[in-house]
Amino acid sequence: MLLLVFPVLAMILMGAHLMFHGFGLLAFAVFVPIAILFVPHRFVAYFSSALLALFALEWVRAGVVLVMNRIDAGRPWMLAGAILGACAVFTLLSAAVFLSQRLRRRYGLLPKEAEKIAA
């Protein structure tokens, strides 16, 4: 259950990104997937992983746009690129949390034989 901290933080980070860019109402929509993380159903794991992968792609897109704008303006760009790259990597690794055996068991992603062996 403690592993869910990483996806929750990644979703809150995306909400802050959306709010910074003026999507205030959409920023609060990230609390819906956070709430459904506590429902132990396999759909939740698949949905959350896919959503976090999309969030990582948004971080990459935002990083490329920001770096290109900074290069065009002649401003330093490496720190901005590193920060947004780190956000993308963190978000993608947060999606990988659902591959752990503990969360696979929680969300019913393990085959029945593996559940008996793991218990």
PDB file of N, CA and C in Angstrom:
ATOM      1  N   MET A   1       0.820  -1.196   0.000  1.00  0.00           N
ATOM      2  CA  MET A   1       0.000   0.000   0.000  1.00  0.00           C
ATOM      3  C   MET A   1       0.867   1.264   0.000  1.00  0.00           C
ATOM      4  N   LEU A   2       2.044   1.147   0.628  1.00  0.00           N
ATOM      5  CA  LEU A   2       2.940   2.290   0.688  1.00  0.00           C
ATOM      6  C   LEU A   2       3.503   2.637  -0.696  1.00  0.00           C
ATOM      7  N   LEU A   3       3.538   1.653  -1.578  1.00  0.00           N
ATOM      8  CA  LEU A   3       4.016   1.900  -2.941  1.00  0.00           C
ATOM      9  C   LEU A   3       3.108   2.853  -3.708  1.00  0.00           C
ATOM     10  N   LEU A   4       1.868   2.981  -3.287  1.00  0.00           N
ATOM     11  CA  LEU A   4       0.930   3.871  -3.974  1.00  0.00           C
ATOM     12  C   LEU A   4       1.264   5.344  -3.769  1.00  0.00           C
ATOM     13  N   VAL A   5       2.201   5.638  -2.875  1.00  0.00           N
ATOM     14  CA  VAL A   5       2.605   7.028  -2.653  1.00  0.00           C
ATOM     15  C   VAL A   5       3.202   7.608  -3.938  1.00  0.00           C
ATOM     16  N   PHE A   6       3.945   6.799  -4.684  1.00  0.00           N
ATOM     17  CA  PHE A   6       4.605   7.308  -5.881  1.00  0.00           C
ATOM     18  C   PHE A   6       3.611   7.687  -6.986  1.00  0.00           C
ATOM     19  N   PRO A   7       2.630   6.829  -7.313  1.00  0.00           N
ATOM     20  CA  PRO A   7       1.637   7.273  -8.296  1.00  0.00           C
ATOM     21  C   PRO A   7       0.827   8.482  -7.828  1.00  0.00           C
ATOM     22  N   VAL A   8       0.520   8.543  -6.533  1.00  0.00           N
ATOM     23  CA  VAL A   8      -0.232   9.691  -6.012  1.00  0.00           C
ATOM     24  C   VAL A   8       0.581  10.965  -6.176  1.00  0.00           C
ATOM     25  N   LEU A   9       1.866  10.920  -5.836  1.00  0.00           N
ATOM     26  CA  LEU A   9       2.714  12.108  -5.999  1.00  0.00           C
ATOM     27  C   LEU A   9       2.851  12.503  -7.467  1.00  0.00           C
ATOM     28  N   ALA A  10       2.957  11.512  -8.358  1.00  0.00           N
ATOM     29  CA  ALA A  10       3.068  11.823  -9.788  1.00  0.00           C
ATOM     30  C   ALA A  10       1.794  12.482 -10.304  1.00  0.00           C
ATOM     31  N   MET A  11       0.643  12.035  -9.816  1.00  0.00           N
ATOM     32  CA  MET A  11      -0.617  12.641 -10.252  1.00  0.00           C
ATOM     33  C   MET A  11      -0.779  14.052  -9.694  1.00  0.00           C
ATOM     34  N   ILE A  12      -0.363  14.263  -8.456  1.00  0.00           N
ATOM     35  CA  ILE A  12      -0.420  15.606  -7.881  1.00  0.00           C
ATOM     36  C   ILE A  12       0.541  16.540  -8.623  1.00  0.00           C
ATOM     37  N   LEU A  13       1.706  16.022  -8.993  1.00  0.00           N
ATOM     38  CA  LEU A  13       2.664  16.810  -9.761  1.00  0.00           C
ATOM     39  C   LEU A  13       2.076  17.229 -11.103  1.00  0.00           C
ATOM     40  N   MET A  14       1.348  16.324 -11.757  1.00  0.00           N
ATOM     41  CA  MET A  14       0.697  16.677 -13.022  1.00  0.00           C
ATOM     42  C   MET A  14      -0.403  17.703 -12.785  1.00  0.00           C
ATOM     43  N   GLY A  15      -1.112  17.593 -11.683  1.00  0.00           N
ATOM     44  CA  GLY A  15      -2.123  18.601 -11.358  1.00  0.00           C
ATOM     45  C   GLY A  15      -1.506  19.982 -11.183  1.00  0.00           C
ATOM     46  N   ALA A  16      -0.340  20.035 -10.546  1.00  0.00           N
ATOM     47  CA  ALA A  16       0.353  21.316 -10.391  1.00  0.00           C
ATOM     48  C   ALA A  16       0.804  21.860 -11.743  1.00  0.00           C
ATOM     49  N   HIS A  17       1.245  20.974 -12.620  1.00  0.00           N
ATOM     50  CA  HIS A  17       1.645  21.381 -13.969  1.00  0.00           C
ATOM     51  C   HIS A  17       0.455  21.958 -14.729  1.00  0.00           C
ATOM     52  N   LEU A  18      -0.680  21.291 -14.635  1.00  0.00           N
ATOM     53  CA  LEU A  18      -1.882  21.776 -15.320  1.00  0.00           C
ATOM     54  C   LEU A  18      -2.345  23.110 -14.743  1.00  0.00           C
ATOM     55  N   MET A  19      -2.265  23.247 -13.427  1.00  0.00           N
ATOM     56  CA  MET A  19      -2.690  24.487 -12.795  1.00  0.00           C
ATOM     57  C   MET A  19      -1.758  25.641 -13.186  1.00  0.00           C
ATOM     58  N   PHE A  20      -0.469  25.361 -13.298  1.00  0.00           N
ATOM     59  CA  PHE A  20       0.489  26.387 -13.703  1.00  0.00           C
ATOM     60  C   PHE A  20       0.174  26.914 -15.098  1.00  0.00           C
ATOM     61  N   HIS A  21      -0.304  26.035 -15.961  1.00  0.00           N
ATOM     62  CA  HIS A  21      -0.600  26.428 -17.337  1.00  0.00           C
ATOM     63  C   HIS A  21      -2.034  26.911 -17.529  1.00  0.00           C
ATOM     64  N   GLY A  22      -2.757  27.124 -16.446  1.00  0.00           N
ATOM     65  CA  GLY A  22      -4.073  27.739 -16.533  1.00  0.00           C
ATOM     66  C   GLY A  22      -5.242  26.789 -16.687  1.00  0.00           C
ATOM     67  N   PHE A  23      -5.009  25.500 -16.475  1.00  0.00           N
ATOM     68  CA  PHE A  23      -6.100  24.530 -16.558  1.00  0.00           C
ATOM     69  C   PHE A  23      -6.553  24.161 -15.148  1.00  0.00           C
ATOM     70  N   GLY A  24      -7.073  25.131 -14.433  1.00  0.00           N
ATOM     71  CA  GLY A  24      -7.421  24.948 -13.030  1.00  0.00           C
ATOM     72  C   GLY A  24      -8.429  23.854 -12.776  1.00  0.00           C
ATOM     73  N   LEU A  25      -9.517  23.835 -13.531  1.00  0.00           N
ATOM     74  CA  LEU A  25     -10.536  22.812 -13.313  1.00  0.00           C
ATOM     75  C   LEU A  25     -10.024  21.428 -13.688  1.00  0.00           C
ATOM     76  N   LEU A  26      -9.244  21.352 -14.742  1.00  0.00           N
ATOM     77  CA  LEU A  26      -8.683  20.073 -15.154  1.00  0.00           C
ATOM     78  C   LEU A  26      -7.643  19.590 -14.143  1.00  0.00           C
ATOM     79  N   ALA A  27      -7.001  20.530 -13.471  1.00  0.00           N
ATOM     80  CA  ALA A  27      -6.008  20.166 -12.468  1.00  0.00           C
ATOM     81  C   ALA A  27      -6.646  19.415 -11.311  1.00  0.00           C
ATOM     82  N   PHE A  28      -7.861  19.766 -10.973  1.00  0.00           N
ATOM     83  CA  PHE A  28      -8.539  19.072  -9.883  1.00  0.00           C
ATOM     84  C   PHE A  28      -9.079  17.716 -10.317  1.00  0.00           C
ATOM     85  N   ALA A  29      -9.121  17.468 -11.619  1.00  0.00           N
ATOM     86  CA  ALA A  29      -9.589  16.174 -12.109  1.00  0.00           C
ATOM     87  C   ALA A  29      -8.597  15.062 -11.793  1.00  0.00           C
ATOM     88  N   VAL A  30      -7.336  15.390 -11.493  1.00  0.00           N
ATOM     89  CA  VAL A  30      -6.376  14.344 -11.157  1.00  0.00           C
ATOM     90  C   VAL A  30      -6.690  13.705  -9.807  1.00  0.00           C
ATOM     91  N   PHE A  31      -7.557  14.320  -9.032  1.00  0.00           N
ATOM     92  CA  PHE A  31      -7.924  13.716  -7.755  1.00  0.00           C
ATOM     93  C   PHE A  31      -8.878  12.544  -7.924  1.00  0.00           C
ATOM     94  N   VAL A  32      -9.534  12.456  -9.076  1.00  0.00           N
ATOM     95  CA  VAL A  32     -10.420  11.315  -9.340  1.00  0.00           C
ATOM     96  C   VAL A  32      -9.609  10.026  -9.461  1.00  0.00           C
ATOM     97  N   PRO A  33      -8.553   9.980 -10.311  1.00  0.00           N
ATOM     98  CA  PRO A  33      -7.770   8.739 -10.341  1.00  0.00           C
ATOM     99  C   PRO A  33      -7.051   8.441  -9.029  1.00  0.00           C
ATOM    100  N   ILE A  34      -6.730   9.474  -8.274  1.00  0.00           N
ATOM    101  CA  ILE A  34      -6.128   9.228  -6.962  1.00  0.00           C
ATOM    102  C   ILE A  34      -7.130   8.516  -6.063  1.00  0.00           C
ATOM    103  N   ALA A  35      -8.380   8.939  -6.113  1.00  0.00           N
ATOM    104  CA  ALA A  35      -9.406   8.317  -5.282  1.00  0.00           C
ATOM    105  C   ALA A  35      -9.673   6.872  -5.693  1.00  0.00           C
ATOM    106  N   ILE A  36      -9.659   6.596  -6.997  1.00  0.00           N
ATOM    107  CA  ILE A  36      -9.961   5.222  -7.405  1.00  0.00           C
ATOM    108  C   ILE A  36      -8.786   4.277  -7.190  1.00  0.00           C
ATOM    109  N   LEU A  37      -7.609   4.805  -6.854  1.00  0.00           N
ATOM    110  CA  LEU A  37      -6.486   3.920  -6.538  1.00  0.00           C
ATOM    111  C   LEU A  37      -6.792   3.012  -5.349  1.00  0.00           C
ATOM    112  N   PHE A  38      -7.728   3.411  -4.531  1.00  0.00           N
ATOM    113  CA  PHE A  38      -8.043   2.640  -3.335  1.00  0.00           C
ATOM    114  C   PHE A  38      -9.101   1.572  -3.585  1.00  0.00           C
ATOM    115  N   VAL A  39      -9.536   1.434  -4.829  1.00  0.00           N
ATOM    116  CA  VAL A  39     -10.475   0.372  -5.211  1.00  0.00           C
ATOM    117  C   VAL A  39      -9.643  -0.795  -5.749  1.00  0.00           C
ATOM    118  N   PRO A  40      -9.645  -1.941  -5.083  1.00  0.00           N
ATOM    119  CA  PRO A  40      -8.797  -3.058  -5.516  1.00  0.00           C
ATOM    120  C   PRO A  40      -9.396  -3.836  -6.694  1.00  0.00           C
ATOM    121  N   HIS A  41      -9.321  -3.277  -7.869  1.00  0.00           N
ATOM    122  CA  HIS A  41      -9.841  -3.907  -9.078  1.00  0.00           C
ATOM    123  C   HIS A  41      -8.778  -3.824 -10.163  1.00  0.00           C
ATOM    124  N   ARG A  42      -8.700  -4.833 -11.018  1.00  0.00           N
ATOM    125  CA  ARG A  42      -7.643  -4.858 -12.035  1.00  0.00           C
ATOM    126  C   ARG A  42      -7.742  -3.701 -13.012  1.00  0.00           C
ATOM    127  N   PHE A  43      -8.955  -3.223 -13.290  1.00  0.00           N
ATOM    128  CA  PHE A  43      -9.119  -2.076 -14.184  1.00  0.00           C
ATOM    129  C   PHE A  43      -8.387  -0.851 -13.638  1.00  0.00           C
ATOM    130  N   VAL A  44      -8.392  -0.677 -12.338  1.00  0.00           N
ATOM    131  CA  VAL A  44      -7.746   0.482 -11.712  1.00  0.00           C
ATOM    132  C   VAL A  44      -6.242   0.458 -11.982  1.00  0.00           C
ATOM    133  N   ALA A  45      -5.630  -0.700 -11.883  1.00  0.00           N
ATOM    134  CA  ALA A  45      -4.191  -0.798 -12.136  1.00  0.00           C
ATOM    135  C   ALA A  45      -3.876  -0.493 -13.595  1.00  0.00           C
ATOM    136  N   TYR A  46      -4.656  -1.047 -14.514  1.00  0.00           N
ATOM    137  CA  TYR A  46      -4.418  -0.786 -15.936  1.00  0.00           C
ATOM    138  C   TYR A  46      -4.659   0.689 -16.273  1.00  0.00           C
ATOM    139  N   PHE A  47      -5.751   1.233 -15.765  1.00  0.00           N
ATOM    140  CA  PHE A  47      -6.092   2.631 -16.035  1.00  0.00           C
ATOM    141  C   PHE A  47      -5.030   3.576 -15.470  1.00  0.00           C
ATOM    142  N   SER A  48      -4.610   3.326 -14.240  1.00  0.00           N
ATOM    143  CA  SER A  48      -3.613   4.198 -13.613  1.00  0.00           C
ATOM    144  C   SER A  48      -2.274   4.118 -14.321  1.00  0.00           C
ATOM    145  N   SER A  49      -1.872   2.928 -14.731  1.00  0.00           N
ATOM    146  CA  SER A  49      -0.614   2.789 -15.462  1.00  0.00           C
ATOM    147  C   SER A  49      -0.662   3.530 -16.791  1.00  0.00           C
ATOM    148  N   ALA A  50      -1.764   3.378 -17.503  1.00  0.00           N
ATOM    149  CA  ALA A  50      -1.907   4.066 -18.790  1.00  0.00           C
ATOM    150  C   ALA A  50      -1.937   5.579 -18.596  1.00  0.00           C
ATOM    151  N   LEU A  51      -2.646   6.030 -17.570  1.00  0.00           N
ATOM    152  CA  LEU A  51      -2.736   7.464 -17.301  1.00  0.00           C
ATOM    153  C   LEU A  51      -1.362   8.035 -16.943  1.00  0.00           C
ATOM    154  N   LEU A  52      -0.617   7.318 -16.133  1.00  0.00           N
ATOM    155  CA  LEU A  52       0.719   7.789 -15.768  1.00  0.00           C
ATOM    156  C   LEU A  52       1.661   7.786 -16.975  1.00  0.00           C
ATOM    157  N   ALA A  53       1.498   6.828 -17.868  1.00  0.00           N
ATOM    158  CA  ALA A  53       2.311   6.836 -19.092  1.00  0.00           C
ATOM    159  C   ALA A  53       1.968   8.051 -19.956  1.00  0.00           C
ATOM    160  N   LEU A  54       0.680   8.390 -20.033  1.00  0.00           N
ATOM    161  CA  LEU A  54       0.282   9.598 -20.767  1.00  0.00           C
ATOM    162  C   LEU A  54       0.820  10.856 -20.096  1.00  0.00           C
ATOM    163  N   PHE A  55       0.806  10.871 -18.770  1.00  0.00           N
ATOM    164  CA  PHE A  55       1.364  12.010 -18.044  1.00  0.00           C
ATOM    165  C   PHE A  55       2.859  12.144 -18.334  1.00  0.00           C
ATOM    166  N   ALA A  56       3.576  11.026 -18.410  1.00  0.00           N
ATOM    167  CA  ALA A  56       5.003  11.075 -18.724  1.00  0.00           C
ATOM    168  C   ALA A  56       5.231  11.642 -20.124  1.00  0.00           C
ATOM    169  N   LEU A  57       4.374  11.260 -21.067  1.00  0.00           N
ATOM    170  CA  LEU A  57       4.486  11.828 -22.414  1.00  0.00           C
ATOM    171  C   LEU A  57       4.234  13.330 -22.405  1.00  0.00           C
ATOM    172  N   GLU A  58       3.318  13.777 -21.572  1.00  0.00           N
ATOM    173  CA  GLU A  58       3.066  15.221 -21.461  1.00  0.00           C
ATOM    174  C   GLU A  58       4.283  15.934 -20.889  1.00  0.00           C
ATOM    175  N   TRP A  59       4.959  15.316 -19.918  1.00  0.00           N
ATOM    176  CA  TRP A  59       6.173  15.928 -19.375  1.00  0.00           C
ATOM    177  C   TRP A  59       7.242  16.049 -20.453  1.00  0.00           C
ATOM    178  N   VAL A  60       7.374  15.010 -21.284  1.00  0.00           N
ATOM    179  CA  VAL A  60       8.358  15.059 -22.368  1.00  0.00           C
ATOM    180  C   VAL A  60       7.991  16.156 -23.360  1.00  0.00           C
ATOM    181  N   ARG A  61       6.713  16.235 -23.727  1.00  0.00           N
ATOM    182  CA  ARG A  61       6.264  17.267 -24.665  1.00  0.00           C
ATOM    183  C   ARG A  61       6.513  18.658 -24.108  1.00  0.00           C
ATOM    184  N   ALA A  62       6.151  18.866 -22.854  1.00  0.00           N
ATOM    185  CA  ALA A  62       6.356  20.176 -22.229  1.00  0.00           C
ATOM    186  C   ALA A  62       7.842  20.509 -22.135  1.00  0.00           C
ATOM    187  N   GLY A  63       8.668  19.509 -21.870  1.00  0.00           N
ATOM    188  CA  GLY A  63      10.101  19.736 -21.797  1.00  0.00           C
ATOM    189  C   GLY A  63      10.690  20.133 -23.130  1.00  0.00           C
ATOM    190  N   VAL A  64      10.258  19.454 -24.188  1.00  0.00           N
ATOM    191  CA  VAL A  64      10.767  19.795 -25.529  1.00  0.00           C
ATOM    192  C   VAL A  64      10.359  21.210 -25.907  1.00  0.00           C
ATOM    193  N   VAL A  65       9.108  21.556 -25.655  1.00  0.00           N
ATOM    194  CA  VAL A  65       8.627  22.908 -25.988  1.00  0.00           C
ATOM    195  C   VAL A  65       9.396  23.962 -25.190  1.00  0.00           C
ATOM    196  N   LEU A  66       9.571  23.720 -23.904  1.00  0.00           N
ATOM    197  CA  LEU A  66      10.271  24.685 -23.065  1.00  0.00           C
ATOM    198  C   LEU A  66      11.737  24.841 -23.493  1.00  0.00           C
ATOM    199  N   VAL A  67      12.388  23.727 -23.760  1.00  0.00           N
ATOM    200  CA  VAL A  67      13.796  23.788 -24.176  1.00  0.00           C
ATOM    201  C   VAL A  67      13.921  24.509 -25.517  1.00  0.00           C
ATOM    202  N   MET A  68      13.044  24.228 -26.454  1.00  0.00           N
ATOM    203  CA  MET A  68      13.109  24.898 -27.763  1.00  0.00           C
ATOM    204  C   MET A  68      12.867  26.404 -27.625  1.00  0.00           C
ATOM    205  N   ASN A  69      11.918  26.775 -26.776  1.00  0.00           N
ATOM    206  CA  ASN A  69      11.662  28.203 -26.552  1.00  0.00           C
ATOM    207  C   ASN A  69      12.867  28.888 -25.920  1.00  0.00           C
ATOM    208  N   ARG A  70      13.523  28.222 -24.975  1.00  0.00           N
ATOM    209  CA  ARG A  70      14.686  28.811 -24.316  1.00  0.00           C
ATOM    210  C   ARG A  70      15.868  28.915 -25.277  1.00  0.00           C
ATOM    211  N   ILE A  71      16.043  27.920 -26.126  1.00  0.00           N
ATOM    212  CA  ILE A  71      17.131  27.973 -27.109  1.00  0.00           C
ATOM    213  C   ILE A  71      16.893  29.123 -28.082  1.00  0.00           C
ATOM    214  N   ASP A  72      15.642  29.270 -28.541  1.00  0.00           N
ATOM    215  CA  ASP A  72      15.316  30.371 -29.456  1.00  0.00           C
ATOM    216  C   ASP A  72      15.561  31.730 -28.821  1.00  0.00           C
ATOM    217  N   ALA A  73      15.299  31.840 -27.524  1.00  0.00           N
ATOM    218  CA  ALA A  73      15.475  33.118 -26.840  1.00  0.00           C
ATOM    219  C   ALA A  73      16.925  33.335 -26.394  1.00  0.00           C
ATOM    220  N   GLY A  74      17.783  32.338 -26.583  1.00  0.00           N
ATOM    221  CA  GLY A  74      19.177  32.483 -26.167  1.00  0.00           C
ATOM    222  C   GLY A  74      19.366  32.383 -24.668  1.00  0.00           C
ATOM    223  N   ARG A  75      18.445  31.742 -23.994  1.00  0.00           N
ATOM    224  CA  ARG A  75      18.515  31.596 -22.540  1.00  0.00           C
ATOM    225  C   ARG A  75      19.037  30.204 -22.184  1.00  0.00           C
ATOM    226  N   PRO A  76      19.543  30.028 -20.968  1.00  0.00           N
ATOM    227  CA  PRO A  76      20.009  28.694 -20.562  1.00  0.00           C
ATOM    228  C   PRO A  76      18.831  27.704 -20.521  1.00  0.00           C
ATOM    229  N   TRP A  77      19.078  26.500 -21.006  1.00  0.00           N
ATOM    230  CA  TRP A  77      17.982  25.556 -21.145  1.00  0.00           C
ATOM    231  C   TRP A  77      18.240  24.217 -20.462  1.00  0.00           C
ATOM    232  N   MET A  78      19.460  23.929 -20.063  1.00  0.00           N
ATOM    233  CA  MET A  78      19.797  22.605 -19.539  1.00  0.00           C
ATOM    234  C   MET A  78      19.091  22.281 -18.232  1.00  0.00           C
ATOM    235  N   LEU A  79      18.998  23.232 -17.334  1.00  0.00           N
ATOM    236  CA  LEU A  79      18.350  22.977 -16.053  1.00  0.00           C
ATOM    237  C   LEU A  79      16.858  22.704 -16.250  1.00  0.00           C
ATOM    238  N   ALA A  80      16.211  23.501 -17.095  1.00  0.00           N
ATOM    239  CA  ALA A  80      14.781  23.290 -17.355  1.00  0.00           C
ATOM    240  C   ALA A  80      14.542  21.925 -17.988  1.00  0.00           C
ATOM    241  N   GLY A  81      15.414  21.548 -18.929  1.00  0.00           N
ATOM    242  CA  GLY A  81      15.289  20.241 -19.557  1.00  0.00           C
ATOM    243  C   GLY A  81      15.504  19.105 -18.574  1.00  0.00           C
ATOM    244  N   ALA A  82      16.462  19.283 -17.676  1.00  0.00           N
ATOM    245  CA  ALA A  82      16.737  18.249 -16.675  1.00  0.00           C
ATOM    246  C   ALA A  82      15.577  18.099 -15.692  1.00  0.00           C
ATOM    247  N   ILE A  83      14.992  19.203 -15.288  1.00  0.00           N
ATOM    248  CA  ILE A  83      13.878  19.147 -14.334  1.00  0.00           C
ATOM    249  C   ILE A  83      12.674  18.459 -14.955  1.00  0.00           C
ATOM    250  N   LEU A  84      12.308  18.858 -16.166  1.00  0.00           N
ATOM    251  CA  LEU A  84      11.143  18.235 -16.798  1.00  0.00           C
ATOM    252  C   LEU A  84      11.437  16.797 -17.208  1.00  0.00           C
ATOM    253  N   GLY A  85      12.674  16.499 -17.557  1.00  0.00           N
ATOM    254  CA  GLY A  85      13.050  15.108 -17.817  1.00  0.00           C
ATOM    255  C   GLY A  85      12.934  14.253 -16.567  1.00  0.00           C
ATOM    256  N   ALA A  86      13.341  14.812 -15.434  1.00  0.00           N
ATOM    257  CA  ALA A  86      13.213  14.082 -14.170  1.00  0.00           C
ATOM    258  C   ALA A  86      11.745  13.853 -13.816  1.00  0.00           C
ATOM    259  N   CYS A  87      10.904  14.821 -14.101  1.00  0.00           N
ATOM    260  CA  CYS A  87       9.468  14.644 -13.867  1.00  0.00           C
ATOM    261  C   CYS A  87       8.914  13.519 -14.740  1.00  0.00           C
ATOM    262  N   ALA A  88       9.371  13.452 -15.985  1.00  0.00           N
ATOM    263  CA  ALA A  88       8.912  12.394 -16.893  1.00  0.00           C
ATOM    264  C   ALA A  88       9.372  11.022 -16.405  1.00  0.00           C
ATOM    265  N   VAL A  89      10.626  10.926 -15.986  1.00  0.00           N
ATOM    266  CA  VAL A  89      11.151   9.648 -15.505  1.00  0.00           C
ATOM    267  C   VAL A  89      10.451   9.225 -14.228  1.00  0.00           C
ATOM    268  N   PHE A  90      10.245  10.152 -13.295  1.00  0.00           N
ATOM    269  CA  PHE A  90       9.548   9.834 -12.054  1.00  0.00           C
ATOM    270  C   PHE A  90       8.133   9.348 -12.331  1.00  0.00           C
ATOM    271  N   THR A  91       7.444  10.014 -13.246  1.00  0.00           N
ATOM    272  CA  THR A  91       6.072   9.620 -13.563  1.00  0.00           C
ATOM    273  C   THR A  91       6.033   8.249 -14.218  1.00  0.00           C
ATOM    274  N   LEU A  92       6.971   7.975 -15.103  1.00  0.00           N
ATOM    275  CA  LEU A  92       7.013   6.669 -15.755  1.00  0.00           C
ATOM    276  C   LEU A  92       7.373   5.567 -14.760  1.00  0.00           C
ATOM    277  N   LEU A  93       8.287   5.837 -13.854  1.00  0.00           N
ATOM    278  CA  LEU A  93       8.614   4.849 -12.822  1.00  0.00           C
ATOM    279  C   LEU A  93       7.448   4.647 -11.856  1.00  0.00           C
ATOM    280  N   SER A  94       6.651   5.673 -11.674  1.00  0.00           N
ATOM    281  CA  SER A  94       5.457   5.525 -10.835  1.00  0.00           C
ATOM    282  C   SER A  94       4.450   4.576 -11.474  1.00  0.00           C
ATOM    283  N   ALA A  95       4.407   4.556 -12.788  1.00  0.00           N
ATOM    284  CA  ALA A  95       3.541   3.599 -13.482  1.00  0.00           C
ATOM    285  C   ALA A  95       4.070   2.180 -13.307  1.00  0.00           C
ATOM    286  N   ALA A  96       5.391   2.037 -13.206  1.00  0.00           N
ATOM    287  CA  ALA A  96       5.996   0.716 -13.051  1.00  0.00           C
ATOM    288  C   ALA A  96       5.749   0.115 -11.678  1.00  0.00           C
ATOM    289  N   VAL A  97       5.287   0.915 -10.730  1.00  0.00           N
ATOM    290  CA  VAL A  97       4.985   0.413  -9.389  1.00  0.00           C
ATOM    291  C   VAL A  97       3.926  -0.685  -9.456  1.00  0.00           C
ATOM    292  N   PHE A  98       3.045  -0.594 -10.443  1.00  0.00           N
ATOM    293  CA  PHE A  98       1.971  -1.583 -10.555  1.00  0.00           C
ATOM    294  C   PHE A  98       2.471  -2.935 -11.039  1.00  0.00           C
ATOM    295  N   LEU A  99       3.752  -3.044 -11.358  1.00  0.00           N
ATOM    296  CA  LEU A  99       4.340  -4.327 -11.731  1.00  0.00           C
ATOM    297  C   LEU A  99       4.843  -5.104 -10.524  1.00  0.00           C
ATOM    298  N   SER A 100       4.881  -4.465  -9.362  1.00  0.00           N
ATOM    299  CA  SER A 100       5.356  -5.153  -8.163  1.00  0.00           C
ATOM    300  C   SER A 100       4.363  -6.242  -7.766  1.00  0.00           C
ATOM    301  N   GLN A 101       4.899  -7.286  -7.168  1.00  0.00           N
ATOM    302  CA  GLN A 101       4.047  -8.424  -6.818  1.00  0.00           C
ATOM    303  C   GLN A 101       2.998  -8.048  -5.773  1.00  0.00           C
ATOM    304  N   ARG A 102       3.363  -7.171  -4.864  1.00  0.00           N
ATOM    305  CA  ARG A 102       2.414  -6.772  -3.828  1.00  0.00           C
ATOM    306  C   ARG A 102       1.190  -6.062  -4.423  1.00  0.00           C
ATOM    307  N   LEU A 103       1.432  -5.126  -5.337  1.00  0.00           N
ATOM    308  CA  LEU A 103       0.294  -4.420  -5.944  1.00  0.00           C
ATOM    309  C   LEU A 103      -0.423  -5.288  -6.967  1.00  0.00           C
ATOM    310  N   ARG A 104       0.307  -6.181  -7.625  1.00  0.00           N
ATOM    311  CA  ARG A 104      -0.360  -7.106  -8.541  1.00  0.00           C
ATOM    312  C   ARG A 104      -1.328  -8.003  -7.766  1.00  0.00           C
ATOM    313  N   ARG A 105      -0.935  -8.404  -6.566  1.00  0.00           N
ATOM    314  CA  ARG A 105      -1.823  -9.208  -5.731  1.00  0.00           C
ATOM    315  C   ARG A 105      -3.012  -8.369  -5.259  1.00  0.00           C
ATOM    316  N   ARG A 106      -2.755  -7.128  -4.881  1.00  0.00           N
ATOM    317  CA  ARG A 106      -3.831  -6.262  -4.384  1.00  0.00           C
ATOM    318  C   ARG A 106      -4.894  -6.007  -5.448  1.00  0.00           C
ATOM    319  N   TYR A 107      -4.450  -5.789  -6.685  1.00  0.00           N
ATOM    320  CA  TYR A 107      -5.393  -5.459  -7.751  1.00  0.00           C
ATOM    321  C   TYR A 107      -5.857  -6.681  -8.542  1.00  0.00           C
ATOM    322  N   GLY A 108      -5.513  -7.856  -8.109  1.00  0.00           N
ATOM    323  CA  GLY A 108      -5.991  -9.073  -8.749  1.00  0.00           C
ATOM    324  C   GLY A 108      -5.372  -9.334 -10.106  1.00  0.00           C
ATOM    325  N   LEU A 109      -4.105  -9.002 -10.275  1.00  0.00           N
ATOM    326  CA  LEU A 109      -3.433  -9.199 -11.556  1.00  0.00           C
ATOM    327  C   LEU A 109      -2.626 -10.484 -11.607  1.00  0.00           C
ATOM    328  N   LEU A 110      -2.502 -11.173 -10.481  1.00  0.00           N
ATOM    329  CA  LEU A 110      -1.762 -12.428 -10.457  1.00  0.00           C
ATOM    330  C   LEU A 110      -2.688 -13.585 -10.814  1.00  0.00           C
ATOM    331  N   PRO A 111      -2.187 -14.587 -11.515  1.00  0.00           N
ATOM    332  CA  PRO A 111      -3.003 -15.789 -11.748  1.00  0.00           C
ATOM    333  C   PRO A 111      -3.296 -16.488 -10.422  1.00  0.00           C
ATOM    334  N   LYS A 112      -4.332 -17.273 -10.382  1.00  0.00           N
ATOM    335  CA  LYS A 112      -4.750 -17.933  -9.140  1.00  0.00           C
ATOM    336  C   LYS A 112      -3.651 -18.825  -8.565  1.00  0.00           C
ATOM    337  N   GLU A 113      -2.866 -19.529  -9.424  1.00  0.00           N
ATOM    338  CA  GLU A 113      -1.800 -20.395  -8.950  1.00  0.00           C
ATOM    339  C   GLU A 113      -0.715 -19.569  -8.259  1.00  0.00           C
ATOM    340  N   ALA A 114      -0.404 -18.405  -8.819  1.00  0.00           N
ATOM    341  CA  ALA A 114       0.643 -17.561  -8.236  1.00  0.00           C
ATOM    342  C   ALA A 114       0.194 -16.968  -6.913  1.00  0.00           C
ATOM    343  N   GLU A 115      -1.098 -16.721  -6.754  1.00  0.00           N
ATOM    344  CA  GLU A 115      -1.588 -16.203  -5.475  1.00  0.00           C
ATOM    345  C   GLU A 115      -1.403 -17.230  -4.373  1.00  0.00           C
ATOM    346  N   LYS A 116      -1.628 -18.518  -4.690  1.00  0.00           N
ATOM    347  CA  LYS A 116      -1.472 -19.561  -3.690  1.00  0.00           C
ATOM    348  C   LYS A 116      -0.008 -19.722  -3.291  1.00  0.00           C
ATOM    349  N   ILE A 117       0.886 -19.602  -4.274  1.00  0.00           N
ATOM    350  CA  ILE A 117       2.318 -19.728  -3.993  1.00  0.00           C
ATOM    351  C   ILE A 117       2.809 -18.538  -3.194  1.00  0.00           C
ATOM    352  N   ALA A 118       2.335 -17.320  -3.543  1.00  0.00           N
ATOM    353  CA  ALA A 118       2.782 -16.110  -2.872  1.00  0.00           C
ATOM    354  C   ALA A 118       2.249 -15.987  -1.462  1.00  0.00           C
ATOM    355  N   ALA A 119       1.129 -16.626  -1.174  1.00  0.00           N
ATOM    356  CA  ALA A 119       0.519 -16.521   0.164  1.00  0.00           C
ATOM    357  C   ALA A 119       1.196 -17.427   1.116  1.00  0.00           C
TER     358      ALA A 119
END
